[in-house]
N, C-alpha and C. Protein backbone atom coordinates (compact mmCIF):
# COMPACT_ATOMS: atom_id res chain seq x y z
N MET A 1 5.77 11.20 12.04
CA MET A 1 4.44 12.50 11.90
C MET A 1 3.02 12.27 12.71
N SER A 2 3.50 12.64 13.83
CA SER A 2 1.72 12.23 14.61
C SER A 2 0.57 12.18 14.65
N ASP A 3 0.62 13.81 13.17
CA ASP A 3 -1.27 13.22 12.48
C ASP A 3 -0.96 12.77 11.24
N CYS A 4 0.23 12.10 11.00
CA CYS A 4 -0.30 11.24 10.07
C CYS A 4 -1.38 9.51 10.37
N LEU A 5 -2.05 9.72 9.34
CA LEU A 5 -3.01 7.87 9.70
C LEU A 5 -1.90 6.78 10.06
N PHE A 6 -1.14 7.03 8.57
CA PHE A 6 -0.23 5.69 8.04
C PHE A 6 0.59 5.56 9.23
N CYS A 7 0.98 6.66 9.32
CA CYS A 7 2.57 6.81 10.46
C CYS A 7 2.23 6.03 12.15
N ARG A 8 0.91 6.45 12.47
CA ARG A 8 0.24 6.13 13.86
C ARG A 8 0.17 4.37 13.53
N ILE A 9 -0.50 4.06 12.01
CA ILE A 9 -1.01 2.30 12.02
C ILE A 9 0.63 1.93 12.24
N VAL A 10 1.78 2.55 11.57
CA VAL A 10 2.87 1.44 11.46
C VAL A 10 3.38 1.86 12.88
N ALA A 11 3.27 2.47 14.23
CA ALA A 11 3.65 2.92 15.02
C ALA A 11 2.72 1.99 16.11
N ARG A 12 1.83 1.64 15.34
CA ARG A 12 0.82 0.67 16.36
C ARG A 12 -0.14 1.39 17.22
N GLU A 13 -0.01 2.84 17.12
CA GLU A 13 -1.41 3.39 17.86
C GLU A 13 -2.60 3.41 17.37
N ILE A 14 -2.89 2.81 15.62
CA ILE A 14 -4.27 2.59 15.63
C ILE A 14 -3.99 1.11 15.28
N PRO A 15 -5.22 0.74 15.71
CA PRO A 15 -5.29 -0.70 15.02
C PRO A 15 -5.41 -0.95 13.66
N ALA A 16 -4.79 -2.14 12.59
CA ALA A 16 -4.99 -2.35 11.16
C ALA A 16 -5.15 -3.77 11.60
N THR A 17 -5.40 -4.36 10.14
CA THR A 17 -5.62 -5.63 10.03
C THR A 17 -4.11 -6.05 9.22
N VAL A 18 -2.91 -6.58 9.87
CA VAL A 18 -1.21 -6.35 9.43
C VAL A 18 -1.38 -7.86 8.54
N VAL A 19 -1.06 -8.09 6.99
CA VAL A 19 -0.99 -9.23 6.05
C VAL A 19 0.49 -9.75 5.99
N HIS A 20 1.30 -8.42 6.38
CA HIS A 20 2.41 -8.93 6.12
C HIS A 20 3.20 -7.61 6.65
N GLU A 21 4.58 -8.13 6.78
CA GLU A 21 5.72 -6.71 7.38
C GLU A 21 6.89 -7.37 7.12
N THR A 22 7.87 -6.07 6.81
CA THR A 22 8.98 -6.21 6.36
C THR A 22 10.06 -5.31 7.23
N ASP A 23 11.36 -5.16 7.42
CA ASP A 23 12.03 -4.43 8.17
C ASP A 23 11.48 -3.12 7.43
N THR A 24 11.08 -3.01 6.43
CA THR A 24 10.71 -1.12 5.96
C THR A 24 9.31 -0.88 5.43
N THR A 25 8.79 -2.26 4.98
CA THR A 25 7.22 -1.98 5.08
C THR A 25 6.28 -2.47 5.84
N LEU A 26 4.71 -1.73 5.63
CA LEU A 26 3.78 -2.55 6.51
C LEU A 26 2.62 -3.28 5.64
N ALA A 27 1.98 -4.01 5.36
CA ALA A 27 1.03 -4.33 4.42
C ALA A 27 -0.07 -4.27 5.67
N PHE A 28 -1.52 -3.74 5.45
CA PHE A 28 -2.97 -4.22 5.93
C PHE A 28 -4.25 -3.81 5.38
N ARG A 29 -5.15 -4.80 5.78
CA ARG A 29 -6.23 -4.65 4.93
C ARG A 29 -6.83 -3.29 4.55
N ASP A 30 -7.42 -2.74 3.53
CA ASP A 30 -8.05 -1.29 3.30
C ASP A 30 -9.13 -1.45 3.90
N VAL A 31 -9.68 -0.35 4.52
CA VAL A 31 -11.23 0.04 5.55
C VAL A 31 -12.15 -0.14 5.00
N ALA A 32 -11.93 0.67 3.31
CA ALA A 32 -13.07 0.61 2.79
C ALA A 32 -12.37 -0.01 1.31
N PRO A 33 -12.72 -1.15 1.48
CA PRO A 33 -12.28 -1.92 0.03
C PRO A 33 -12.91 -1.96 -1.50
N GLN A 34 -12.39 -1.75 -2.21
CA GLN A 34 -12.83 -1.78 -3.78
C GLN A 34 -12.42 -2.87 -4.44
N ALA A 35 -12.44 -3.61 -3.62
CA ALA A 35 -11.95 -5.42 -4.51
C ALA A 35 -12.13 -6.76 -3.26
N PRO A 36 -12.00 -7.60 -3.99
CA PRO A 36 -12.30 -8.73 -2.56
C PRO A 36 -11.27 -8.45 -1.97
N THR A 37 -9.97 -8.64 -2.54
CA THR A 37 -8.74 -8.68 -1.79
C THR A 37 -8.23 -7.04 -2.05
N HIS A 38 -8.14 -6.14 -1.31
CA HIS A 38 -7.41 -5.13 -1.03
C HIS A 38 -6.55 -4.45 -0.31
N VAL A 39 -5.12 -4.60 -0.34
CA VAL A 39 -4.60 -4.04 0.86
C VAL A 39 -3.55 -3.16 0.82
N VAL A 40 -3.36 -2.48 1.50
CA VAL A 40 -2.62 -1.26 1.79
C VAL A 40 -0.88 -1.25 2.04
N LEU A 41 -0.19 -1.43 1.19
CA LEU A 41 1.49 -1.25 1.58
C LEU A 41 1.93 0.20 1.62
N VAL A 42 2.67 0.13 2.88
CA VAL A 42 3.02 1.48 3.37
C VAL A 42 4.81 1.74 3.74
N PRO A 43 5.59 2.16 3.17
CA PRO A 43 7.11 2.05 4.01
C PRO A 43 6.88 2.85 5.45
N LYS A 44 7.85 1.96 5.83
CA LYS A 44 7.91 2.12 7.46
C LYS A 44 7.77 3.89 8.17
N ALA A 45 8.56 4.53 6.96
CA ALA A 45 9.16 6.07 6.87
C ALA A 45 8.29 6.90 6.18
N HIS A 46 8.11 8.15 6.95
CA HIS A 46 7.31 8.91 6.42
C HIS A 46 7.97 9.13 5.22
N ALA A 47 6.95 9.53 3.69
CA ALA A 47 7.17 9.65 2.72
C ALA A 47 5.68 10.42 2.26
N PRO A 48 5.33 11.95 1.47
CA PRO A 48 4.33 12.39 1.51
C PRO A 48 3.92 11.40 -0.07
N ASP A 49 4.23 10.78 -0.91
CA ASP A 49 3.91 10.24 -2.05
C ASP A 49 4.86 9.10 -2.50
N ALA A 50 4.86 8.50 -3.98
CA ALA A 50 5.69 7.48 -4.43
C ALA A 50 7.12 8.60 -4.91
N VAL A 51 6.81 9.67 -5.71
CA VAL A 51 8.20 10.57 -6.14
C VAL A 51 9.09 10.38 -5.03
N ALA A 52 8.31 11.29 -3.94
CA ALA A 52 9.14 11.58 -3.00
C ALA A 52 10.22 10.28 -2.14
N LEU A 53 9.33 9.46 -1.96
CA LEU A 53 9.94 8.27 -1.42
C LEU A 53 10.49 7.63 -2.76
N ALA A 54 10.35 8.03 -4.04
CA ALA A 54 11.79 7.51 -4.99
C ALA A 54 13.14 7.87 -4.89
N ALA A 55 12.49 9.41 -4.53
CA ALA A 55 13.68 10.06 -4.38
C ALA A 55 14.69 10.22 -2.98
N ALA A 56 13.59 10.05 -1.91
CA ALA A 56 14.65 9.43 -0.79
C ALA A 56 14.74 8.45 -0.46
N SER A 57 14.71 7.64 -0.62
CA SER A 57 15.01 6.00 -0.36
C SER A 57 14.53 5.14 -1.76
N PRO A 58 14.79 5.06 -2.87
CA PRO A 58 14.37 4.10 -3.82
C PRO A 58 14.66 2.88 -3.37
N THR A 59 15.67 2.25 -2.46
CA THR A 59 15.43 0.77 -1.91
C THR A 59 14.11 0.62 -1.48
N VAL A 60 13.50 1.59 -0.54
CA VAL A 60 12.45 1.29 0.26
C VAL A 60 11.25 1.08 -0.75
N LEU A 61 11.26 1.68 -1.92
CA LEU A 61 10.18 1.61 -3.48
C LEU A 61 10.19 0.07 -4.01
N ASP A 62 11.33 -0.37 -4.16
CA ASP A 62 11.68 -1.53 -4.50
C ASP A 62 10.92 -2.28 -3.60
N ASP A 63 11.07 -2.29 -2.14
CA ASP A 63 10.68 -3.14 -1.17
C ASP A 63 9.06 -3.09 -1.16
N LEU A 64 8.60 -2.14 -1.19
CA LEU A 64 6.90 -2.00 -1.25
C LEU A 64 6.67 -2.76 -2.43
N PHE A 65 7.34 -3.11 -3.51
CA PHE A 65 7.19 -4.11 -4.98
C PHE A 65 7.28 -5.58 -4.65
N LEU A 66 8.26 -6.09 -3.47
CA LEU A 66 8.45 -7.27 -3.69
C LEU A 66 7.53 -7.39 -2.42
N ALA A 67 7.06 -6.67 -1.63
CA ALA A 67 6.34 -7.00 -0.29
C ALA A 67 4.68 -6.91 -1.20
N ALA A 68 4.73 -6.31 -2.13
CA ALA A 68 3.44 -6.46 -3.45
C ALA A 68 2.90 -7.94 -3.62
N GLY A 69 4.14 -8.57 -4.07
CA GLY A 69 4.21 -9.88 -4.65
C GLY A 69 3.98 -11.00 -3.68
N GLU A 70 4.76 -10.44 -2.72
CA GLU A 70 4.44 -11.73 -0.95
C GLU A 70 2.84 -11.20 -0.96
N VAL A 71 2.39 -10.17 -0.96
CA VAL A 71 1.01 -10.16 -0.39
C VAL A 71 0.33 -10.64 -1.62
N ALA A 72 0.56 -10.58 -2.64
CA ALA A 72 -0.20 -11.22 -3.96
C ALA A 72 -0.21 -12.94 -3.78
N LYS A 73 0.44 -13.61 -3.60
CA LYS A 73 0.73 -14.90 -3.49
C LYS A 73 0.05 -15.18 -1.87
N SER A 74 0.45 -14.71 -0.95
CA SER A 74 -0.64 -14.97 0.32
C SER A 74 -2.00 -14.54 0.40
N GLU A 75 -2.53 -13.79 -0.57
CA GLU A 75 -4.13 -13.51 -0.73
C GLU A 75 -4.57 -14.59 -1.70
N GLY A 76 -4.08 -15.30 -2.38
CA GLY A 76 -4.00 -16.27 -3.38
C GLY A 76 -4.39 -15.51 -4.44
N ILE A 77 -4.01 -14.22 -5.15
CA ILE A 77 -4.07 -14.06 -6.23
C ILE A 77 -3.15 -13.70 -7.46
N ALA A 78 -1.67 -14.54 -7.13
CA ALA A 78 -0.53 -13.61 -7.97
C ALA A 78 -1.29 -14.62 -9.05
N ASP A 79 -1.37 -15.47 -9.66
CA ASP A 79 -1.92 -16.62 -10.77
C ASP A 79 -2.93 -16.06 -11.22
N SER A 80 -3.95 -15.15 -10.78
CA SER A 80 -5.21 -14.87 -11.74
C SER A 80 -4.78 -13.33 -12.07
N GLY A 81 -3.68 -12.53 -11.16
CA GLY A 81 -3.86 -11.49 -11.78
C GLY A 81 -4.55 -10.31 -10.72
N TYR A 82 -3.77 -8.67 -10.48
CA TYR A 82 -3.43 -8.04 -9.55
C TYR A 82 -3.25 -6.57 -9.95
N ARG A 83 -4.23 -5.66 -8.77
CA ARG A 83 -3.60 -4.50 -9.56
C ARG A 83 -2.64 -3.74 -8.63
N LEU A 84 -1.56 -3.04 -9.08
CA LEU A 84 -1.05 -2.07 -8.20
C LEU A 84 -1.18 -1.05 -8.57
N LEU A 85 -1.73 0.17 -7.37
CA LEU A 85 -2.10 1.24 -7.71
C LEU A 85 -1.18 2.26 -6.73
N PHE A 86 -0.76 3.57 -6.97
CA PHE A 86 0.08 4.60 -6.67
C PHE A 86 -1.20 5.62 -6.76
N ASN A 87 -1.50 6.79 -5.95
CA ASN A 87 -2.10 7.56 -6.12
C ASN A 87 -1.28 8.97 -5.73
N THR A 88 -1.26 9.78 -6.54
CA THR A 88 -0.13 10.81 -6.46
C THR A 88 -0.92 12.15 -6.24
N GLY A 89 -0.99 13.18 -5.23
CA GLY A 89 -2.05 14.48 -5.02
C GLY A 89 -3.47 14.37 -5.10
N ALA A 90 -4.13 15.04 -4.76
CA ALA A 90 -5.35 15.05 -4.85
C ALA A 90 -6.12 14.63 -5.22
N ASP A 91 -6.34 15.14 -6.84
CA ASP A 91 -6.90 15.07 -8.00
C ASP A 91 -6.37 13.63 -8.31
N ALA A 92 -5.71 12.78 -8.00
CA ALA A 92 -5.70 11.77 -8.28
C ALA A 92 -6.49 10.54 -7.20
N GLY A 93 -6.63 11.19 -6.22
CA GLY A 93 -7.45 10.25 -5.38
C GLY A 93 -6.56 10.17 -3.71
N GLN A 94 -5.16 10.47 -3.84
CA GLN A 94 -4.73 10.58 -2.71
C GLN A 94 -5.41 11.14 -1.24
N THR A 95 -5.63 10.20 0.41
CA THR A 95 -6.60 10.83 0.87
C THR A 95 -5.45 10.77 2.20
N VAL A 96 -4.85 10.23 1.91
CA VAL A 96 -3.62 9.92 3.05
C VAL A 96 -2.21 10.58 2.49
N PHE A 97 -1.80 11.47 2.80
CA PHE A 97 -0.58 12.32 2.62
C PHE A 97 0.69 11.14 2.55
N HIS A 98 0.95 9.89 2.72
CA HIS A 98 2.09 9.09 2.98
C HIS A 98 2.42 8.24 2.17
N ALA A 99 2.88 8.15 1.31
CA ALA A 99 2.85 7.21 0.08
C ALA A 99 2.53 5.97 0.54
N HIS A 100 1.66 5.31 -0.49
CA HIS A 100 1.06 3.78 -0.05
C HIS A 100 0.77 3.21 -1.73
N LEU A 101 0.72 1.68 -1.32
CA LEU A 101 0.56 1.09 -2.80
C LEU A 101 -0.29 -0.06 -2.77
N HIS A 102 -1.55 -0.07 -3.30
CA HIS A 102 -2.89 -0.20 -3.29
C HIS A 102 -2.26 -1.54 -3.86
N VAL A 103 -2.62 -2.60 -3.45
CA VAL A 103 -2.86 -4.13 -4.00
C VAL A 103 -4.26 -4.83 -3.79
N LEU A 104 -5.20 -4.96 -5.76
CA LEU A 104 -6.07 -5.10 -5.36
C LEU A 104 -6.59 -6.05 -6.27
N GLY A 105 -7.42 -7.47 -5.98
CA GLY A 105 -7.66 -8.48 -7.11
C GLY A 105 -9.07 -9.05 -5.84
N GLY A 106 -8.64 -10.29 -6.73
CA GLY A 106 -10.10 -11.51 -5.91
C GLY A 106 -11.18 -11.33 -7.62
N ARG A 107 -10.75 -10.52 -8.35
CA ARG A 107 -11.94 -10.41 -9.03
C ARG A 107 -11.23 -9.86 -9.96
N ARG A 108 -12.15 -10.22 -11.60
CA ARG A 108 -12.20 -9.13 -12.92
C ARG A 108 -11.88 -7.96 -12.84
N LEU A 109 -10.93 -7.21 -12.70
CA LEU A 109 -10.73 -5.56 -12.88
C LEU A 109 -11.01 -4.95 -13.96
N GLY A 110 -11.66 -3.45 -13.98
CA GLY A 110 -12.24 -2.96 -15.12
C GLY A 110 -11.24 -2.22 -15.19
N PRO A 111 -11.33 -1.89 -16.53
CA PRO A 111 -10.24 -0.14 -17.15
C PRO A 111 -10.20 1.18 -16.07
N LEU A 112 -9.31 1.73 -15.45
CA LEU A 112 -9.27 2.93 -14.80
C LEU A 112 -9.98 3.67 -16.01
N ALA A 113 -10.74 4.88 -15.30
CA ALA A 113 -11.77 6.05 -15.74
C ALA A 113 -10.31 7.17 -15.77
């Protein structure tokens, strides 16, 4: 989708600090981090949210979680703990309507409101 920010990052039309890549996923640093480590993982193929991704490509959803574990290891937060988060829909705070998984860590994270 030519107007999708994350599709354009995947296509390398918009720069991002890529920290991990597989055949089906791309991980890059969030431009407005909410924790010392804040990485966004996206499927390379467009899906508007996590539920749509699970319906269309459940193995890619698996790939996102496996990639998140690799990112946590490479970022040095695997042992101390980290949060994985999908926002689905505007009321949940989703602002880019391309499925994406946040990896947050590097400090003690409080409860979600």
